[in-house]
Amino acid sequence: MNKNIWKKFVYLAAILLVMLIPVSDISAQTERDWMTNDEFLQKLDEIEANSSGKVQVDVVGHSRLGNAIMSARVGTGDQVILINGSIHGNEKSGAEAIVEILDYLGTSDSSFAQSVRDEVTIVTIPRLNVDGLEIPQRQNIFPWDEVVSDYPHLEGAEPAWYYNQGNAGFDINRDFHADLDYEVVAEDLPGNTLDFGFFITKESQILRDLYVDLQNEFGVVEAFVDLHHMGTPKLNKTGEEVTIAIDPPPLGPDDSTKYDNYPLDRDKSKRYALAAARGVKELSDKEETGVAQYIAFQERDFPGQARTAFALNGTATVLFEMPGQQPQFGYDQDLVDRVENGLWGMISRMADGSIDDLNGDDFVTEIPRYWTDNITDMRDVMGRFTEEGQFENASDARLLDNHLAALENYEKQENEEKMVKHLNGLKSLLDHQQEKGLIESEAYRRLYGDADLLLDRWERELTGDSRDIYLIGENQLID
């Protein structure tokens, strides 16, 4: 492949981004809104009609309420990437970025566009949870009584743990199983966060069936990307707002033996995650300092997600999390651009073959965190709070940091007894400072919560308790 393609692409991407920048901040926020479903369908029709056969659009299935779920495909390469958007109905940026990529690849005659079409096949479901999008709500629409009507053998069974009674629907991104032929049985319900899902919903079945079709066509699905939204956190060290968080599949610690019998390639997923993060940084017309790793506590193990189920079938999988959910947050072109640039970061490296030259471990060391997984992370946050003046005086901050420095040494020594003792001491010290008005509430809440999380981990290490911490806290995570 021409070595100048990447340079040409960077230039072209810069031009495209300039064209996409709104005339003013006011126009970005008030004159444009997220696409309605009718507008989305019309846009897909236009892209297909203008593509001279390069883009194929199909109805891949229908939702519970009878709404069409669309797929789109472009490229003829022998490596395939599957991109999914809006598995949650209150997360809308994915489809906006996907249609921009389809539009460009469907109409551009540039050498870069042609090389992508020749080397890569891109298959997408831009909007999976069509019913949820119209409300909007996280879950789909599928009341449990209708589930029992469709699956009579489930009568009397407890609903799946990810069914929401109030919204009468399922979190579709917990409804997947690594066994792609699995059919739900009453004995497996209700399950929990550490279990596979049950393929109860039409949406999970549609995405699974498309994945299987691509497996049969290509032998392996090279990559899968799931596009989401989250809250609005800040980076540990700098306090800057996270503008995009990226994540390989959450399947427990790297040395876990739980999935030894599956063709799981953790490093491959990290390489793709790194390519996405670098794409956001390299292809933007502005400095991107808010790119982060999504929450990846070492114990975090969610096999029922789409990306984890597909990772256990040999696919590199990557999660994008964009700040702010709908309807609270309106249209944001910068946000859409970051999704698009992250996708281009992977697609372009697939096209030129450089994706395999990346070191997956660089994702962990190069991309910053906004969450705590060890004492070093706590010291990063502590340093920021000190600089921000969240302590009454320097001696109070120094006292806490000295305590954390001792804990950091005990953590390196893997001394469970010392860790438990001194984490409890840290919590007492934080309580004392909070009672005396020596620490601001933001710093107190964050440091105390981090200490609690690590204390729970080390207490389990000390007692040999095998229960997983994230059976309790999974509701705090929104991927």
Protein backbone atom coordinates (compact mmCIF):
# COMPACT_ATOMS: atom_id res chain seq x y z
CA MET A 1 0.00 0.00 0.00
CA ASN A 2 1.26 3.52 -0.78
CA LYS A 3 3.19 4.85 2.21
CA ASN A 4 1.86 8.35 1.54
CA ILE A 5 -1.75 7.29 2.11
CA TRP A 6 -1.63 8.09 5.82
CA LYS A 7 -0.26 11.59 5.17
CA LYS A 8 -2.92 12.18 2.56
CA PHE A 9 -5.57 10.99 4.99
CA VAL A 10 -4.44 13.32 7.76
CA TYR A 11 -4.68 16.22 5.34
CA LEU A 12 -8.08 15.10 4.09
CA ALA A 13 -9.35 14.53 7.64
CA ALA A 14 -8.29 18.03 8.61
CA ILE A 15 -10.21 19.47 5.65
CA LEU A 16 -13.29 17.42 6.52
CA LEU A 17 -13.17 18.51 10.13
CA VAL A 18 -12.96 22.16 9.11
CA MET A 19 -16.01 21.65 6.93
CA LEU A 20 -17.88 20.10 9.84
CA ILE A 21 -17.10 22.77 12.40
CA PRO A 22 -20.27 24.79 13.09
CA VAL A 23 -20.25 28.47 12.21
CA SER A 24 -20.67 29.33 15.89
CA ASP A 25 -21.16 27.71 19.25
CA ILE A 26 -24.77 28.88 19.17
CA SER A 27 -25.46 27.05 15.93
CA ALA A 28 -23.81 23.91 17.29
CA GLN A 29 -26.05 23.85 20.32
CA THR A 30 -29.38 25.27 19.12
CA GLU A 31 -29.67 24.96 15.35
CA ARG A 32 -28.81 21.27 15.13
CA ASP A 33 -30.13 18.38 17.15
CA TRP A 34 -29.65 14.64 17.25
CA MET A 35 -31.32 12.93 14.29
CA THR A 36 -34.82 11.63 14.74
CA ASN A 37 -35.37 8.10 13.50
CA ASP A 38 -37.10 9.40 10.37
CA GLU A 39 -34.17 11.71 9.65
CA PHE A 40 -31.76 8.86 10.24
CA LEU A 41 -33.58 6.57 7.81
CA GLN A 42 -33.70 9.33 5.22
CA LYS A 43 -29.98 9.96 5.64
CA LEU A 44 -29.17 6.28 5.11
CA ASP A 45 -31.30 6.25 1.95
CA GLU A 46 -29.45 9.30 0.64
CA ILE A 47 -26.04 7.80 1.42
CA GLU A 48 -26.91 4.56 -0.38
CA ALA A 49 -28.38 6.39 -3.39
CA ASN A 50 -25.32 8.64 -3.75
CA SER A 51 -22.73 5.90 -3.27
CA SER A 52 -22.91 4.29 -6.72
CA GLY A 53 -23.31 0.91 -5.08
CA LYS A 54 -20.46 1.32 -2.57
CA VAL A 55 -22.79 1.42 0.47
CA GLN A 56 -25.46 -1.23 0.98
CA VAL A 57 -28.26 -0.50 3.45
CA ASP A 58 -30.56 -3.26 4.73
CA VAL A 59 -33.25 -3.89 7.30
CA VAL A 60 -31.49 -6.39 9.53
CA GLY A 61 -34.53 -6.96 11.76
CA HIS A 62 -37.33 -5.31 13.70
CA SER A 63 -37.71 -4.20 17.29
CA ARG A 64 -40.42 -5.38 19.68
CA LEU A 65 -42.54 -2.40 18.60
CA GLY A 66 -42.00 -3.18 14.93
CA ASN A 67 -39.44 -0.46 14.17
CA ALA A 68 -36.88 -1.31 11.51
CA ILE A 69 -33.32 -1.91 12.75
CA MET A 70 -30.94 -0.94 9.95
CA SER A 71 -27.52 -2.16 8.95
CA ALA A 72 -25.11 -0.56 6.50
CA ARG A 73 -22.04 -1.98 4.83
CA VAL A 74 -19.17 -0.49 2.84
CA GLY A 75 -15.90 -1.94 1.56
CA THR A 76 -14.78 -5.23 0.10
CA GLY A 77 -11.69 -5.99 2.19
CA ASP A 78 -11.00 -9.40 3.67
CA GLN A 79 -10.93 -8.06 7.25
CA VAL A 80 -14.19 -6.94 8.79
CA ILE A 81 -15.00 -4.49 11.57
CA LEU A 82 -18.50 -4.44 13.11
CA ILE A 83 -19.60 -1.13 14.65
CA ASN A 84 -22.67 -0.87 16.86
CA GLY A 85 -24.40 2.28 18.10
CA SER A 86 -27.16 3.11 20.58
CA ILE A 87 -27.45 -0.23 22.34
CA HIS A 88 -28.77 2.10 25.06
CA GLY A 89 -31.58 4.40 24.01
CA ASN A 90 -30.21 7.46 25.82
CA GLU A 91 -26.88 7.38 23.93
CA LYS A 92 -27.07 8.96 20.49
CA SER A 93 -23.67 10.08 19.20
CA GLY A 94 -22.68 6.75 17.64
CA ALA A 95 -25.12 6.88 14.73
CA GLU A 96 -24.16 10.48 13.94
CA ALA A 97 -20.48 9.52 13.56
CA ILE A 98 -21.24 6.33 11.66
CA VAL A 99 -23.30 8.08 9.00
CA GLU A 100 -20.49 10.60 8.44
CA ILE A 101 -18.05 7.75 7.82
CA LEU A 102 -20.51 5.99 5.50
CA ASP A 103 -21.16 9.21 3.63
CA TYR A 104 -17.44 9.85 3.09
CA LEU A 105 -16.58 6.29 2.04
CA GLY A 106 -19.64 6.15 -0.20
CA THR A 107 -18.78 9.27 -2.19
CA SER A 108 -15.05 9.95 -1.96
CA ASP A 109 -12.70 8.99 -4.79
CA SER A 110 -9.57 9.79 -2.76
CA SER A 111 -6.76 7.26 -2.62
CA PHE A 112 -7.32 6.88 1.11
CA ALA A 113 -11.03 6.12 0.75
CA GLN A 114 -10.29 3.62 -1.99
CA SER A 115 -7.60 1.90 0.09
CA VAL A 116 -10.00 1.56 3.02
CA ARG A 117 -12.71 0.11 0.79
CA ASP A 118 -10.18 -2.33 -0.73
CA GLU A 119 -8.66 -3.48 2.54
CA VAL A 120 -11.51 -3.35 5.07
CA THR A 121 -15.19 -4.27 5.15
CA ILE A 122 -17.12 -2.02 7.54
CA VAL A 123 -20.47 -3.31 8.78
CA THR A 124 -22.59 -1.22 11.12
CA ILE A 125 -25.81 -1.14 13.07
CA PRO A 126 -25.90 2.59 13.80
CA ARG A 127 -29.03 2.41 15.99
CA LEU A 128 -29.75 -0.90 17.68
CA ASN A 129 -32.18 0.13 20.43
CA VAL A 130 -34.63 1.99 18.21
CA ASP A 131 -37.52 1.73 20.68
CA GLY A 132 -35.48 3.09 23.58
CA LEU A 133 -34.16 5.96 21.46
CA GLU A 134 -37.64 7.31 20.85
CA ILE A 135 -38.38 7.77 24.58
CA PRO A 136 -35.38 8.07 25.30
CA GLN A 137 -34.47 5.48 27.93
CA ARG A 138 -31.56 3.12 28.49
CA GLN A 139 -33.61 -0.06 28.15
CA ASN A 140 -35.59 -1.42 25.23
CA ILE A 141 -39.35 -2.06 25.47
CA PHE A 142 -40.18 -5.68 26.36
CA PRO A 143 -42.45 -6.17 29.42
CA TRP A 144 -41.86 -9.38 31.35
CA ASP A 145 -45.37 -10.69 30.73
CA GLU A 146 -44.64 -10.48 27.00
CA VAL A 147 -41.35 -12.30 27.60
CA VAL A 148 -43.27 -15.15 29.20
CA SER A 149 -45.73 -15.10 26.31
CA ASP A 150 -42.82 -15.51 23.88
CA TYR A 151 -41.00 -18.01 26.11
CA PRO A 152 -43.73 -20.01 27.91
CA HIS A 153 -41.13 -22.24 29.59
CA LEU A 154 -40.04 -19.19 31.63
CA GLU A 155 -43.39 -18.88 33.41
CA GLY A 156 -42.77 -18.64 37.14
CA ALA A 157 -39.10 -17.83 36.70
CA GLU A 158 -37.60 -14.68 38.18
CA PRO A 159 -36.87 -12.00 35.56
CA ALA A 160 -33.31 -11.65 34.34
CA TRP A 161 -31.28 -9.46 36.68
CA TYR A 162 -30.88 -6.77 34.00
CA TYR A 163 -34.64 -6.39 33.44
CA ASN A 164 -35.98 -3.03 34.63
CA GLN A 165 -39.52 -3.28 35.95
CA GLY A 166 -40.10 0.48 35.96
CA ASN A 167 -39.12 0.93 32.31
CA ALA A 168 -40.55 -2.45 31.25
CA GLY A 169 -37.44 -3.39 29.33
CA PHE A 170 -33.95 -4.85 29.35
CA ASP A 171 -30.47 -3.43 29.40
CA ILE A 172 -29.63 -4.99 26.04
CA ASN A 173 -25.91 -4.78 26.78
CA ARG A 174 -26.23 -7.45 29.45
CA ASP A 175 -28.16 -9.88 27.22
CA PHE A 176 -25.23 -11.62 25.46
CA HIS A 177 -23.60 -15.02 25.80
CA ALA A 178 -20.26 -16.31 24.51
CA ASP A 179 -22.10 -19.44 23.32
CA LEU A 180 -23.74 -17.88 20.28
CA ASP A 181 -26.20 -20.80 20.06
CA TYR A 182 -27.41 -20.39 23.65
CA GLU A 183 -31.17 -20.38 24.30
CA VAL A 184 -32.60 -19.18 27.59
CA VAL A 185 -33.76 -21.74 30.18
CA ALA A 186 -35.58 -21.03 33.43
CA GLU A 187 -32.88 -22.66 35.57
CA ASP A 188 -30.34 -20.01 34.52
CA LEU A 189 -32.47 -17.07 35.65
CA PRO A 190 -32.08 -14.51 37.11
CA GLY A 191 -28.26 -14.60 36.89
CA ASN A 192 -25.95 -11.77 37.97
CA THR A 193 -23.17 -9.51 36.70
CA LEU A 194 -20.65 -12.36 36.66
CA ASP A 195 -22.83 -14.54 34.45
CA PHE A 196 -23.48 -14.52 30.73
CA GLY A 197 -26.72 -13.01 29.49
CA PHE A 198 -29.59 -14.94 27.93
CA PHE A 199 -30.30 -13.62 24.40
CA ILE A 200 -33.87 -12.79 25.43
CA THR A 201 -34.27 -9.57 23.44
CA LYS A 202 -34.76 -9.19 19.71
CA GLU A 203 -31.99 -6.62 19.64
CA SER A 204 -29.31 -8.88 21.13
CA GLN A 205 -30.40 -11.68 18.80
CA ILE A 206 -30.19 -9.38 15.77
CA LEU A 207 -26.67 -8.22 16.64
CA ARG A 208 -25.61 -11.78 17.44
CA ASP A 209 -27.02 -13.11 14.16
CA LEU A 210 -25.21 -10.43 12.17
CA TYR A 211 -21.98 -11.27 13.99
CA VAL A 212 -22.43 -14.98 13.21
CA ASP A 213 -23.13 -14.19 9.56
CA LEU A 214 -19.88 -12.24 9.40
CA GLN A 215 -18.03 -15.08 11.11
CA ASN A 216 -19.31 -17.45 8.46
CA GLU A 217 -18.34 -15.05 5.67
CA PHE A 218 -14.90 -13.95 6.88
CA GLY A 219 -13.84 -16.74 9.22
CA VAL A 220 -13.28 -14.26 12.03
CA VAL A 221 -14.69 -10.85 12.87
CA GLU A 222 -11.51 -8.84 13.24
CA ALA A 223 -12.93 -6.08 15.45
CA PHE A 224 -16.13 -4.98 17.17
CA VAL A 225 -16.76 -1.46 18.49
CA ASP A 226 -19.65 -0.47 20.77
CA LEU A 227 -20.44 3.26 21.02
CA HIS A 228 -21.83 4.56 24.32
CA HIS A 229 -22.27 7.56 26.62
CA MET A 230 -21.45 7.93 30.32
CA GLY A 231 -21.26 10.59 33.03
CA THR A 232 -18.91 13.58 33.07
CA PRO A 233 -15.81 12.64 35.13
CA LYS A 234 -12.44 14.39 35.48
CA LEU A 235 -8.94 13.03 34.92
CA ASN A 236 -7.07 11.98 38.07
CA LYS A 237 -3.94 14.07 37.61
CA THR A 238 -5.09 17.20 35.83
CA GLY A 239 -8.75 17.50 36.75
CA GLU A 240 -9.59 18.10 33.10
CA GLU A 241 -12.96 16.85 31.93
CA VAL A 242 -12.89 13.48 30.18
CA THR A 243 -13.91 13.98 26.54
CA ILE A 244 -13.86 10.31 25.54
CA ALA A 245 -13.12 7.12 27.46
CA ILE A 246 -12.00 3.94 25.70
CA ASP A 247 -11.90 0.38 26.99
CA PRO A 248 -10.92 -3.15 25.97
CA PRO A 249 -13.26 -5.92 27.22
CA PRO A 250 -13.83 -6.18 31.02
CA LEU A 251 -13.10 -9.84 31.70
CA GLY A 252 -11.28 -9.75 35.01
CA PRO A 253 -7.53 -9.48 35.61
CA ASP A 254 -5.11 -10.42 32.84
CA ASP A 255 -3.86 -13.44 34.79
CA SER A 256 -7.35 -14.87 35.36
CA THR A 257 -7.84 -18.48 34.25
CA LYS A 258 -11.64 -18.18 34.03
CA TYR A 259 -11.62 -17.84 30.23
CA ASP A 260 -8.67 -20.08 29.36
CA ASN A 261 -10.88 -22.25 27.14
CA TYR A 262 -11.94 -19.31 24.97
CA PRO A 263 -9.97 -17.73 22.07
CA LEU A 264 -9.61 -14.48 24.01
CA ASP A 265 -6.80 -12.17 22.85
CA ARG A 266 -6.55 -9.37 25.41
CA ASP A 267 -3.54 -7.72 23.79
CA LYS A 268 -5.31 -7.52 20.44
CA SER A 269 -8.18 -5.58 22.02
CA LYS A 270 -5.69 -3.25 23.71
CA ARG A 271 -3.99 -2.60 20.37
CA TYR A 272 -7.31 -1.56 18.86
CA ALA A 273 -8.14 0.56 21.90
CA LEU A 274 -4.76 2.29 21.56
CA ALA A 275 -5.39 2.88 17.85
CA ALA A 276 -8.74 4.48 18.71
CA ALA A 277 -7.23 6.74 21.39
CA ARG A 278 -4.42 7.84 19.08
CA GLY A 279 -6.93 8.46 16.31
CA VAL A 280 -8.82 10.91 18.52
CA LYS A 281 -5.59 12.75 19.30
CA GLU A 282 -3.99 12.68 15.85
CA LEU A 283 -6.98 13.56 13.69
CA SER A 284 -8.41 16.43 15.70
CA ASP A 285 -7.82 20.04 14.70
CA LYS A 286 -7.35 20.88 18.37
CA GLU A 287 -5.36 19.47 21.27
CA GLU A 288 -7.20 16.49 22.79
CA THR A 289 -6.18 16.23 26.43
CA GLY A 290 -9.35 14.56 27.74
CA VAL A 291 -8.84 11.09 26.21
CA ALA A 292 -8.97 8.49 29.01
CA GLN A 293 -9.17 4.83 29.87
CA TYR A 294 -12.69 3.83 30.85
CA ILE A 295 -13.19 2.31 34.30
CA ALA A 296 -11.28 -0.99 34.34
CA PHE A 297 -10.90 -2.17 37.92
CA GLN A 298 -8.80 -5.31 37.85
CA GLU A 299 -11.67 -7.46 39.19
CA ARG A 300 -14.23 -6.07 36.74
CA ASP A 301 -15.77 -9.02 34.90
CA PHE A 302 -18.93 -8.55 32.80
CA PRO A 303 -19.24 -11.51 30.39
CA GLY A 304 -22.85 -10.66 29.46
CA GLN A 305 -21.96 -7.59 27.40
CA ALA A 306 -21.88 -7.69 23.61
CA ARG A 307 -18.20 -6.78 23.45
CA THR A 308 -17.17 -9.38 26.03
CA ALA A 309 -19.18 -12.16 24.41
CA PHE A 310 -17.61 -11.35 21.03
CA ALA A 311 -14.13 -11.04 22.56
CA LEU A 312 -14.55 -14.58 23.88
CA ASN A 313 -15.10 -15.60 20.24
CA GLY A 314 -11.72 -14.23 19.14
CA THR A 315 -12.65 -10.65 18.17
CA ALA A 316 -10.79 -7.52 19.26
CA THR A 317 -13.43 -5.41 21.00
CA VAL A 318 -13.40 -1.77 22.04
CA LEU A 319 -15.84 0.42 23.97
CA PHE A 320 -16.23 4.17 23.39
CA GLU A 321 -17.83 6.18 26.19
CA MET A 322 -18.76 9.79 25.44
CA PRO A 323 -19.57 12.26 28.25
CA GLY A 324 -23.21 13.14 28.85
CA GLN A 325 -26.39 11.22 28.10
CA GLN A 326 -29.58 12.19 26.35
CA PRO A 327 -31.90 14.02 26.74
CA GLN A 328 -29.87 16.03 29.29
CA PHE A 329 -27.09 16.78 26.79
CA GLY A 330 -27.84 18.16 23.34
CA TYR A 331 -26.07 17.77 20.04
CA ASP A 332 -22.31 18.36 20.15
CA GLN A 333 -20.30 18.23 16.92
CA ASP A 334 -16.98 18.07 18.78
CA LEU A 335 -18.22 14.95 20.54
CA VAL A 336 -19.33 13.36 17.26
CA ASP A 337 -15.95 14.22 15.72
CA ARG A 338 -14.15 12.39 18.52
CA VAL A 339 -16.19 9.26 17.91
CA GLU A 340 -15.46 9.49 14.20
CA ASN A 341 -11.75 10.13 14.71
CA GLY A 342 -11.47 7.20 17.11
CA LEU A 343 -13.10 4.92 14.54
CA TRP A 344 -10.78 6.24 11.81
CA GLY A 345 -7.84 5.53 14.10
CA MET A 346 -8.69 1.84 13.99
CA ILE A 347 -9.96 1.61 10.42
CA SER A 348 -6.96 3.39 8.91
CA ARG A 349 -4.51 1.15 10.77
CA MET A 350 -6.44 -1.91 9.66
CA ALA A 351 -6.17 -0.68 6.08
CA ASP A 352 -2.42 -0.09 6.13
CA GLY A 353 -1.60 -3.07 8.36
CA SER A 354 -0.01 -1.02 11.13
CA ILE A 355 -2.57 -2.09 13.76
CA ASP A 356 -0.46 -5.19 14.45
CA ASP A 357 2.66 -3.09 15.02
CA LEU A 358 1.17 -1.44 18.10
CA ASN A 359 2.00 -2.55 21.64
CA GLY A 360 -1.20 -3.14 23.58
CA ASP A 361 0.50 -2.40 26.88
CA ASP A 362 1.04 1.18 25.68
CA PHE A 363 -2.71 1.72 26.02
CA VAL A 364 -2.42 1.22 29.78
CA THR A 365 0.68 3.39 30.20
CA GLU A 366 -0.05 6.11 27.63
CA ILE A 367 -3.76 6.83 28.21
CA PRO A 368 -4.62 8.43 31.60
CA ARG A 369 -7.28 7.39 34.11
CA TYR A 370 -10.11 9.16 35.87
CA TRP A 371 -10.72 6.36 38.38
CA THR A 372 -8.77 4.59 41.11
CA ASP A 373 -7.44 1.04 41.00
CA ASN A 374 -4.46 1.38 43.36
CA ILE A 375 -2.77 3.70 45.82
CA THR A 376 -0.70 5.36 43.09
CA ASP A 377 -3.96 6.49 41.50
CA MET A 378 -5.05 7.89 44.85
CA ARG A 379 -1.80 9.85 45.13
CA ASP A 380 -2.41 11.30 41.67
CA VAL A 381 -5.83 12.51 42.77
CA MET A 382 -4.39 13.72 46.08
CA GLY A 383 -1.79 15.81 44.25
CA ARG A 384 -4.49 17.45 42.14
CA PHE A 385 -6.67 18.26 45.14
CA THR A 386 -3.66 19.79 46.89
CA GLU A 387 -2.92 22.01 43.89
CA GLU A 388 -6.58 23.01 43.74
CA GLY A 389 -6.47 24.17 47.37
CA GLN A 390 -9.00 21.66 48.69
CA PHE A 391 -7.26 21.49 52.10
CA GLU A 392 -7.32 24.13 54.81
CA ASN A 393 -3.53 24.18 54.95
CA ALA A 394 -0.52 22.41 53.48
CA SER A 395 0.19 20.38 56.61
CA ASP A 396 -3.21 18.64 56.40
CA ALA A 397 -2.55 17.66 52.77
CA ARG A 398 0.98 16.52 53.63
CA LEU A 399 -0.32 14.33 56.47
CA LEU A 400 -2.67 12.51 54.08
CA ASP A 401 -0.01 12.13 51.40
CA ASN A 402 2.46 10.67 53.90
CA HIS A 403 -0.19 8.13 54.84
CA LEU A 404 -0.70 7.29 51.18
CA ALA A 405 3.07 6.98 50.62
CA ALA A 406 3.24 4.32 53.35
CA LEU A 407 0.24 2.53 51.83
CA GLU A 408 1.92 2.60 48.41
CA ASN A 409 4.88 0.69 49.85
CA TYR A 410 2.65 -1.86 51.56
CA GLU A 411 0.74 -2.32 48.30
CA LYS A 412 3.95 -3.08 46.42
CA GLN A 413 4.84 -5.60 49.14
CA GLU A 414 1.33 -7.12 48.85
CA ASN A 415 1.05 -6.92 52.64
CA GLU A 416 -2.65 -7.53 53.22
CA GLU A 417 -2.62 -6.92 56.99
CA LYS A 418 -0.81 -3.59 56.70
CA MET A 419 -3.04 -2.50 53.84
CA VAL A 420 -6.24 -3.21 55.78
CA LYS A 421 -4.92 -1.56 58.94
CA HIS A 422 -3.64 1.60 57.26
CA LEU A 423 -6.60 2.01 54.89
CA ASN A 424 -8.86 2.01 57.95
CA GLY A 425 -6.50 4.57 59.46
CA LEU A 426 -6.73 6.68 56.32
CA LYS A 427 -10.52 6.66 56.50
CA SER A 428 -10.38 7.76 60.14
CA LEU A 429 -8.00 10.58 59.24
CA LEU A 430 -10.29 11.71 56.43
CA ASP A 431 -13.26 11.66 58.80
CA HIS A 432 -11.32 13.77 61.29
CA GLN A 433 -10.36 16.34 58.66
CA GLN A 434 -13.91 16.49 57.35
CA GLU A 435 -15.36 16.99 60.85
CA LYS A 436 -12.87 19.82 61.54
CA GLY A 437 -13.51 21.51 58.21
CA LEU A 438 -9.96 20.89 57.00
CA ILE A 439 -10.89 19.29 53.68
CA GLU A 440 -13.36 20.27 50.95
CA SER A 441 -16.32 17.95 50.36
CA GLU A 442 -15.22 16.97 46.82
CA ALA A 443 -11.82 15.77 48.02
CA TYR A 444 -13.31 14.02 51.04
CA ARG A 445 -15.93 12.13 49.03
CA ARG A 446 -13.48 11.01 46.33
CA LEU A 447 -10.64 9.95 48.66
CA TYR A 448 -12.98 8.25 51.13
CA GLY A 449 -14.73 6.35 48.33
CA ASP A 450 -11.41 5.27 46.85
CA ALA A 451 -10.19 4.11 50.25
CA ASP A 452 -13.41 2.12 50.72
CA LEU A 453 -13.01 0.42 47.36
CA LEU A 454 -9.39 -0.59 48.00
CA LEU A 455 -10.16 -1.63 51.58
CA ASP A 456 -12.88 -3.97 50.34
CA ARG A 457 -10.38 -5.52 47.91
CA TRP A 458 -7.65 -6.02 50.51
CA GLU A 459 -10.06 -7.36 53.14
CA ARG A 460 -11.12 -9.99 50.62
CA GLU A 461 -7.48 -10.82 49.96
CA LEU A 462 -6.88 -11.14 53.67
CA THR A 463 -9.89 -13.36 54.39
CA GLY A 464 -9.84 -15.35 51.13
CA ASP A 465 -13.37 -14.16 50.33
CA SER A 466 -13.99 -15.12 46.68
CA ARG A 467 -17.13 -13.00 46.22
CA ASP A 468 -16.64 -10.40 43.55
CA ILE A 469 -16.75 -6.76 44.64
CA TYR A 470 -18.55 -5.74 41.46
CA LEU A 471 -21.56 -7.88 42.15
CA ILE A 472 -22.43 -5.00 44.45
CA GLY A 473 -21.28 -1.92 42.58
CA GLU A 474 -22.19 -2.64 38.96
CA ASN A 475 -25.11 -0.21 38.95
CA GLN A 476 -22.57 2.61 39.25
CA LEU A 477 -21.17 1.66 35.82
CA ILE A 478 -23.12 2.47 32.69
CA ASP A 479 -21.42 0.73 29.76
